[in-house]
Amino acid sequence: MSPAEVRPIGPNPDDWEADLPDKDIQPGDAYSIELDPDDPIDEPIRWFKMPVEKEEKPAFYSITGNFNSWKQDLMAPGAVPQQHSIVVVIPGDGLLEFRFLKDGQEDMVLA
């Protein structure tokens, strides 16, 4: 691979174009380079800015079932990422029915 290509346009370097990361890189910016085994040896490196991913708020999980009259109880985050737990009392008849819900949404039933 060759160094990135710089295309001088006029005498002022501020007007030049180059296949380099932006001059005003911000924290969190991400760039990639693409390499292909079929590229010629003198192919210049090209930097591509990656799209900024929208930061999602962490999901919360709740449980609903016959032990709580099908109301939602929030599950506690665990020690491991994406782990949640709750202690429930099994009804007197010994039958436990439940559903896990993501973000409290009935249409996001996990089990």
N, C-alpha and C. Protein backbone atom coordinates (compact mmCIF):
# COMPACT_ATOMS: atom_id res chain seq x y z
N MET A 1 0.85 -1.17 0.00
CA MET A 1 0.00 0.00 0.00
C MET A 1 0.89 1.24 0.00
N SER A 2 0.44 2.21 -0.70
CA SER A 2 1.12 3.50 -0.73
C SER A 2 0.50 4.41 0.31
N PRO A 3 1.21 5.48 0.66
CA PRO A 3 0.60 6.46 1.57
C PRO A 3 -0.68 7.02 0.96
N ALA A 4 -1.49 7.64 1.81
CA ALA A 4 -2.74 8.23 1.34
C ALA A 4 -2.46 9.26 0.25
N GLU A 5 -3.40 9.37 -0.68
CA GLU A 5 -3.25 10.30 -1.79
C GLU A 5 -3.60 11.71 -1.33
N VAL A 6 -2.76 12.68 -1.73
CA VAL A 6 -3.01 14.10 -1.48
C VAL A 6 -3.13 14.77 -2.84
N ARG A 7 -4.22 15.54 -3.03
CA ARG A 7 -4.47 16.20 -4.30
C ARG A 7 -4.37 17.71 -4.10
N PRO A 8 -3.21 18.32 -4.45
CA PRO A 8 -3.08 19.76 -4.27
C PRO A 8 -3.98 20.53 -5.24
N ILE A 9 -4.78 21.43 -4.69
CA ILE A 9 -5.65 22.28 -5.50
C ILE A 9 -5.29 23.71 -5.13
N GLY A 10 -4.47 24.33 -5.95
CA GLY A 10 -4.02 25.68 -5.66
C GLY A 10 -2.87 25.70 -4.67
N PRO A 11 -2.39 26.90 -4.34
CA PRO A 11 -1.20 27.03 -3.49
C PRO A 11 -1.49 26.87 -1.99
N ASN A 12 -2.76 26.96 -1.56
CA ASN A 12 -3.08 26.91 -0.13
C ASN A 12 -3.37 25.47 0.29
N PRO A 13 -2.57 24.89 1.21
CA PRO A 13 -2.80 23.51 1.65
C PRO A 13 -4.18 23.30 2.29
N ASP A 14 -4.79 24.38 2.80
CA ASP A 14 -6.14 24.24 3.38
C ASP A 14 -7.17 23.86 2.32
N ASP A 15 -6.88 24.13 1.06
CA ASP A 15 -7.80 23.81 -0.04
C ASP A 15 -7.55 22.43 -0.64
N TRP A 16 -6.48 21.78 -0.23
CA TRP A 16 -6.12 20.50 -0.81
C TRP A 16 -7.07 19.41 -0.34
N GLU A 17 -7.21 18.39 -1.14
CA GLU A 17 -7.99 17.22 -0.79
C GLU A 17 -7.04 16.07 -0.52
N ALA A 18 -7.41 15.24 0.43
CA ALA A 18 -6.57 14.09 0.76
C ALA A 18 -7.45 12.96 1.30
N ASP A 19 -7.00 11.75 1.08
CA ASP A 19 -7.70 10.57 1.59
C ASP A 19 -7.16 10.25 2.99
N LEU A 20 -7.34 11.20 3.88
CA LEU A 20 -6.90 11.07 5.27
C LEU A 20 -8.09 11.29 6.18
N PRO A 21 -7.97 10.95 7.46
CA PRO A 21 -9.05 11.29 8.38
C PRO A 21 -9.27 12.80 8.41
N ASP A 22 -10.48 13.21 8.82
CA ASP A 22 -10.80 14.63 8.89
C ASP A 22 -9.82 15.36 9.79
N LYS A 23 -9.64 16.66 9.52
CA LYS A 23 -8.74 17.48 10.33
C LYS A 23 -9.28 17.68 11.74
N ASP A 24 -10.60 17.71 11.87
CA ASP A 24 -11.21 17.98 13.17
C ASP A 24 -11.79 16.72 13.79
N ILE A 25 -10.93 15.73 14.01
CA ILE A 25 -11.36 14.47 14.62
C ILE A 25 -11.84 14.75 16.04
N GLN A 26 -12.98 14.16 16.39
CA GLN A 26 -13.59 14.33 17.70
C GLN A 26 -13.50 13.01 18.47
N PRO A 27 -13.50 13.09 19.81
CA PRO A 27 -13.53 11.84 20.58
C PRO A 27 -14.73 11.00 20.17
N GLY A 28 -14.52 9.72 19.98
CA GLY A 28 -15.59 8.83 19.57
C GLY A 28 -15.66 8.61 18.07
N ASP A 29 -14.99 9.47 17.27
CA ASP A 29 -14.97 9.26 15.82
C ASP A 29 -14.22 7.97 15.51
N ALA A 30 -14.67 7.26 14.52
CA ALA A 30 -14.01 6.02 14.13
C ALA A 30 -13.80 6.03 12.62
N TYR A 31 -12.66 5.52 12.21
CA TYR A 31 -12.31 5.44 10.79
C TYR A 31 -11.92 4.01 10.46
N SER A 32 -12.07 3.66 9.20
CA SER A 32 -11.62 2.36 8.74
C SER A 32 -10.84 2.55 7.45
N ILE A 33 -10.03 1.57 7.14
CA ILE A 33 -9.38 1.52 5.83
C ILE A 33 -9.77 0.18 5.22
N GLU A 34 -9.90 0.17 3.93
CA GLU A 34 -10.27 -1.05 3.25
C GLU A 34 -9.07 -1.57 2.48
N LEU A 35 -8.76 -2.83 2.71
CA LEU A 35 -7.65 -3.48 2.02
C LEU A 35 -8.21 -4.65 1.23
N ASP A 36 -7.73 -4.80 0.03
CA ASP A 36 -8.16 -5.89 -0.82
C ASP A 36 -6.92 -6.55 -1.40
N PRO A 37 -6.83 -7.86 -1.32
CA PRO A 37 -5.63 -8.52 -1.85
C PRO A 37 -5.42 -8.28 -3.35
N ASP A 38 -6.48 -7.89 -4.04
CA ASP A 38 -6.36 -7.65 -5.48
C ASP A 38 -5.93 -6.22 -5.80
N ASP A 39 -5.83 -5.35 -4.78
CA ASP A 39 -5.41 -3.97 -5.02
C ASP A 39 -3.97 -3.95 -5.51
N PRO A 40 -3.65 -3.05 -6.43
CA PRO A 40 -2.25 -2.92 -6.86
C PRO A 40 -1.38 -2.46 -5.69
N ILE A 41 -0.12 -2.77 -5.74
CA ILE A 41 0.82 -2.45 -4.66
C ILE A 41 0.91 -0.95 -4.41
N ASP A 42 0.68 -0.15 -5.46
CA ASP A 42 0.80 1.29 -5.30
C ASP A 42 -0.55 1.98 -5.05
N GLU A 43 -1.57 1.19 -4.73
CA GLU A 43 -2.89 1.75 -4.41
C GLU A 43 -2.77 2.56 -3.11
N PRO A 44 -3.20 3.83 -3.12
CA PRO A 44 -3.08 4.62 -1.90
C PRO A 44 -4.09 4.16 -0.84
N ILE A 45 -3.70 4.32 0.41
CA ILE A 45 -4.59 4.03 1.53
C ILE A 45 -5.71 5.06 1.54
N ARG A 46 -6.91 4.62 1.75
CA ARG A 46 -8.06 5.53 1.85
C ARG A 46 -8.73 5.32 3.20
N TRP A 47 -8.99 6.43 3.88
CA TRP A 47 -9.64 6.41 5.19
C TRP A 47 -11.11 6.74 5.00
N PHE A 48 -11.97 5.98 5.66
CA PHE A 48 -13.42 6.20 5.59
C PHE A 48 -13.95 6.41 7.00
N LYS A 49 -14.66 7.53 7.19
CA LYS A 49 -15.25 7.79 8.50
C LYS A 49 -16.45 6.87 8.69
N MET A 50 -16.49 6.20 9.82
CA MET A 50 -17.58 5.28 10.13
C MET A 50 -18.78 6.09 10.63
N PRO A 51 -19.98 5.68 10.29
CA PRO A 51 -21.15 6.39 10.79
C PRO A 51 -21.20 6.32 12.32
N VAL A 52 -21.65 7.41 12.91
CA VAL A 52 -21.76 7.46 14.36
C VAL A 52 -22.97 6.62 14.76
N GLU A 53 -22.72 5.67 15.65
CA GLU A 53 -23.81 4.83 16.11
C GLU A 53 -24.56 5.54 17.22
N LYS A 54 -25.86 5.51 17.10
CA LYS A 54 -26.70 6.13 18.10
C LYS A 54 -26.57 5.35 19.40
N GLU A 55 -26.26 6.06 20.46
CA GLU A 55 -26.09 5.40 21.74
C GLU A 55 -27.46 5.05 22.31
N GLU A 56 -27.68 3.77 22.50
CA GLU A 56 -28.95 3.33 23.04
C GLU A 56 -28.88 3.30 24.55
N LYS A 57 -30.00 3.66 25.18
CA LYS A 57 -30.04 3.53 26.62
C LYS A 57 -30.11 2.05 26.94
N PRO A 58 -29.53 1.64 28.05
CA PRO A 58 -29.55 0.22 28.39
C PRO A 58 -30.99 -0.28 28.56
N ALA A 59 -31.22 -1.48 28.12
CA ALA A 59 -32.55 -2.08 28.25
C ALA A 59 -32.79 -2.44 29.71
N PHE A 60 -34.05 -2.44 30.10
CA PHE A 60 -34.40 -2.98 31.40
C PHE A 60 -35.36 -4.14 31.17
N TYR A 61 -35.40 -5.02 32.12
CA TYR A 61 -36.21 -6.21 31.97
C TYR A 61 -37.14 -6.34 33.17
N SER A 62 -38.33 -6.84 32.90
CA SER A 62 -39.29 -7.07 33.97
C SER A 62 -39.88 -8.46 33.79
N ILE A 63 -40.54 -8.92 34.83
CA ILE A 63 -41.20 -10.22 34.78
C ILE A 63 -42.65 -10.01 35.18
N THR A 64 -43.51 -10.76 34.56
CA THR A 64 -44.93 -10.72 34.88
C THR A 64 -45.43 -12.16 34.92
N GLY A 65 -46.40 -12.43 35.78
CA GLY A 65 -46.89 -13.81 35.85
C GLY A 65 -48.03 -13.96 36.83
N ASN A 66 -48.41 -15.23 37.04
CA ASN A 66 -49.52 -15.50 37.94
C ASN A 66 -49.16 -15.27 39.41
N PHE A 67 -47.89 -15.14 39.73
CA PHE A 67 -47.44 -14.90 41.09
C PHE A 67 -47.64 -13.44 41.52
N ASN A 68 -47.83 -12.51 40.55
CA ASN A 68 -48.02 -11.09 40.86
C ASN A 68 -49.23 -10.50 40.13
N SER A 69 -50.20 -11.36 39.86
CA SER A 69 -51.44 -10.95 39.17
C SER A 69 -51.13 -10.32 37.81
N TRP A 70 -50.08 -10.77 37.15
CA TRP A 70 -49.68 -10.36 35.82
C TRP A 70 -49.31 -8.87 35.74
N LYS A 71 -48.86 -8.32 36.87
CA LYS A 71 -48.29 -6.96 36.88
C LYS A 71 -46.79 -7.11 36.65
N GLN A 72 -46.18 -6.04 36.19
CA GLN A 72 -44.75 -6.11 35.91
C GLN A 72 -43.92 -5.79 37.15
N ASP A 73 -42.93 -6.63 37.43
CA ASP A 73 -41.94 -6.39 38.47
C ASP A 73 -40.59 -6.22 37.79
N LEU A 74 -39.91 -5.13 38.09
CA LEU A 74 -38.61 -4.85 37.49
C LEU A 74 -37.57 -5.82 38.01
N MET A 75 -36.77 -6.35 37.10
CA MET A 75 -35.68 -7.26 37.48
C MET A 75 -34.43 -6.43 37.75
N ALA A 76 -33.61 -6.88 38.70
CA ALA A 76 -32.40 -6.16 39.08
C ALA A 76 -31.25 -6.55 38.14
N PRO A 77 -30.44 -5.55 37.71
CA PRO A 77 -29.26 -5.88 36.90
C PRO A 77 -28.31 -6.76 37.71
N GLY A 78 -27.69 -7.73 37.04
CA GLY A 78 -26.77 -8.63 37.71
C GLY A 78 -25.33 -8.16 37.62
N ALA A 79 -24.43 -8.99 38.10
CA ALA A 79 -23.00 -8.67 38.11
C ALA A 79 -22.37 -8.80 36.73
N VAL A 80 -23.03 -9.51 35.83
CA VAL A 80 -22.53 -9.74 34.48
C VAL A 80 -23.38 -8.91 33.52
N PRO A 81 -22.78 -8.26 32.53
CA PRO A 81 -23.58 -7.50 31.58
C PRO A 81 -24.70 -8.35 30.97
N GLN A 82 -25.87 -7.77 30.83
CA GLN A 82 -27.07 -8.40 30.28
C GLN A 82 -27.67 -9.46 31.19
N GLN A 83 -27.19 -9.56 32.43
CA GLN A 83 -27.78 -10.49 33.39
C GLN A 83 -28.73 -9.71 34.29
N HIS A 84 -29.93 -10.26 34.50
CA HIS A 84 -30.92 -9.66 35.37
C HIS A 84 -31.52 -10.76 36.23
N SER A 85 -31.94 -10.42 37.44
CA SER A 85 -32.50 -11.46 38.30
C SER A 85 -33.61 -10.90 39.17
N ILE A 86 -34.41 -11.81 39.70
CA ILE A 86 -35.49 -11.47 40.61
C ILE A 86 -35.86 -12.75 41.35
N VAL A 87 -36.34 -12.60 42.56
CA VAL A 87 -36.83 -13.73 43.35
C VAL A 87 -38.35 -13.61 43.40
N VAL A 88 -39.05 -14.69 43.06
CA VAL A 88 -40.51 -14.69 43.10
C VAL A 88 -40.99 -15.83 44.00
N VAL A 89 -42.20 -15.66 44.51
CA VAL A 89 -42.81 -16.69 45.35
C VAL A 89 -43.71 -17.54 44.47
N ILE A 90 -43.51 -18.85 44.51
CA ILE A 90 -44.33 -19.77 43.71
C ILE A 90 -45.71 -19.84 44.35
N PRO A 91 -46.75 -19.69 43.55
CA PRO A 91 -48.11 -19.76 44.08
C PRO A 91 -48.38 -21.09 44.80
N GLY A 92 -49.41 -21.08 45.66
CA GLY A 92 -49.74 -22.25 46.47
C GLY A 92 -50.03 -23.51 45.68
N ASP A 93 -50.54 -23.37 44.48
CA ASP A 93 -50.85 -24.57 43.67
C ASP A 93 -49.60 -25.17 43.02
N GLY A 94 -48.43 -24.53 43.20
CA GLY A 94 -47.18 -25.05 42.66
C GLY A 94 -46.97 -24.77 41.18
N LEU A 95 -47.89 -24.06 40.54
CA LEU A 95 -47.77 -23.76 39.12
C LEU A 95 -47.30 -22.33 38.95
N LEU A 96 -46.17 -22.16 38.31
CA LEU A 96 -45.59 -20.83 38.07
C LEU A 96 -45.66 -20.51 36.58
N GLU A 97 -46.40 -19.47 36.24
CA GLU A 97 -46.48 -18.99 34.86
C GLU A 97 -45.86 -17.61 34.84
N PHE A 98 -45.03 -17.34 33.82
CA PHE A 98 -44.38 -16.04 33.77
C PHE A 98 -43.94 -15.70 32.36
N ARG A 99 -43.63 -14.42 32.17
CA ARG A 99 -43.05 -13.90 30.93
C ARG A 99 -41.99 -12.88 31.31
N PHE A 100 -40.91 -12.86 30.53
CA PHE A 100 -39.91 -11.81 30.66
C PHE A 100 -40.22 -10.76 29.60
N LEU A 101 -40.18 -9.50 29.98
CA LEU A 101 -40.46 -8.42 29.04
C LEU A 101 -39.25 -7.50 28.95
N LYS A 102 -38.91 -7.11 27.75
CA LYS A 102 -37.83 -6.16 27.53
C LYS A 102 -38.44 -4.76 27.49
N ASP A 103 -37.85 -3.84 28.25
CA ASP A 103 -38.29 -2.44 28.30
C ASP A 103 -39.76 -2.31 28.68
N GLY A 104 -40.30 -3.30 29.39
CA GLY A 104 -41.68 -3.24 29.85
C GLY A 104 -42.71 -3.33 28.75
N GLN A 105 -42.32 -3.76 27.56
CA GLN A 105 -43.23 -3.79 26.42
C GLN A 105 -43.80 -5.20 26.25
N GLU A 106 -45.13 -5.26 26.22
CA GLU A 106 -45.82 -6.56 26.06
C GLU A 106 -45.43 -7.25 24.75
N ASP A 107 -45.11 -6.46 23.72
CA ASP A 107 -44.74 -7.06 22.44
C ASP A 107 -43.26 -7.47 22.38
N MET A 108 -42.55 -7.26 23.47
CA MET A 108 -41.13 -7.64 23.54
C MET A 108 -40.96 -8.79 24.55
N VAL A 109 -41.84 -9.79 24.45
CA VAL A 109 -41.78 -10.95 25.35
C VAL A 109 -40.57 -11.80 24.97
N LEU A 110 -39.75 -12.11 25.96
CA LEU A 110 -38.55 -12.91 25.70
C LEU A 110 -38.80 -14.40 25.98
N ALA A 111 -39.70 -14.70 26.90
CA ALA A 111 -39.99 -16.11 27.22
C ALA A 111 -41.34 -16.22 27.86
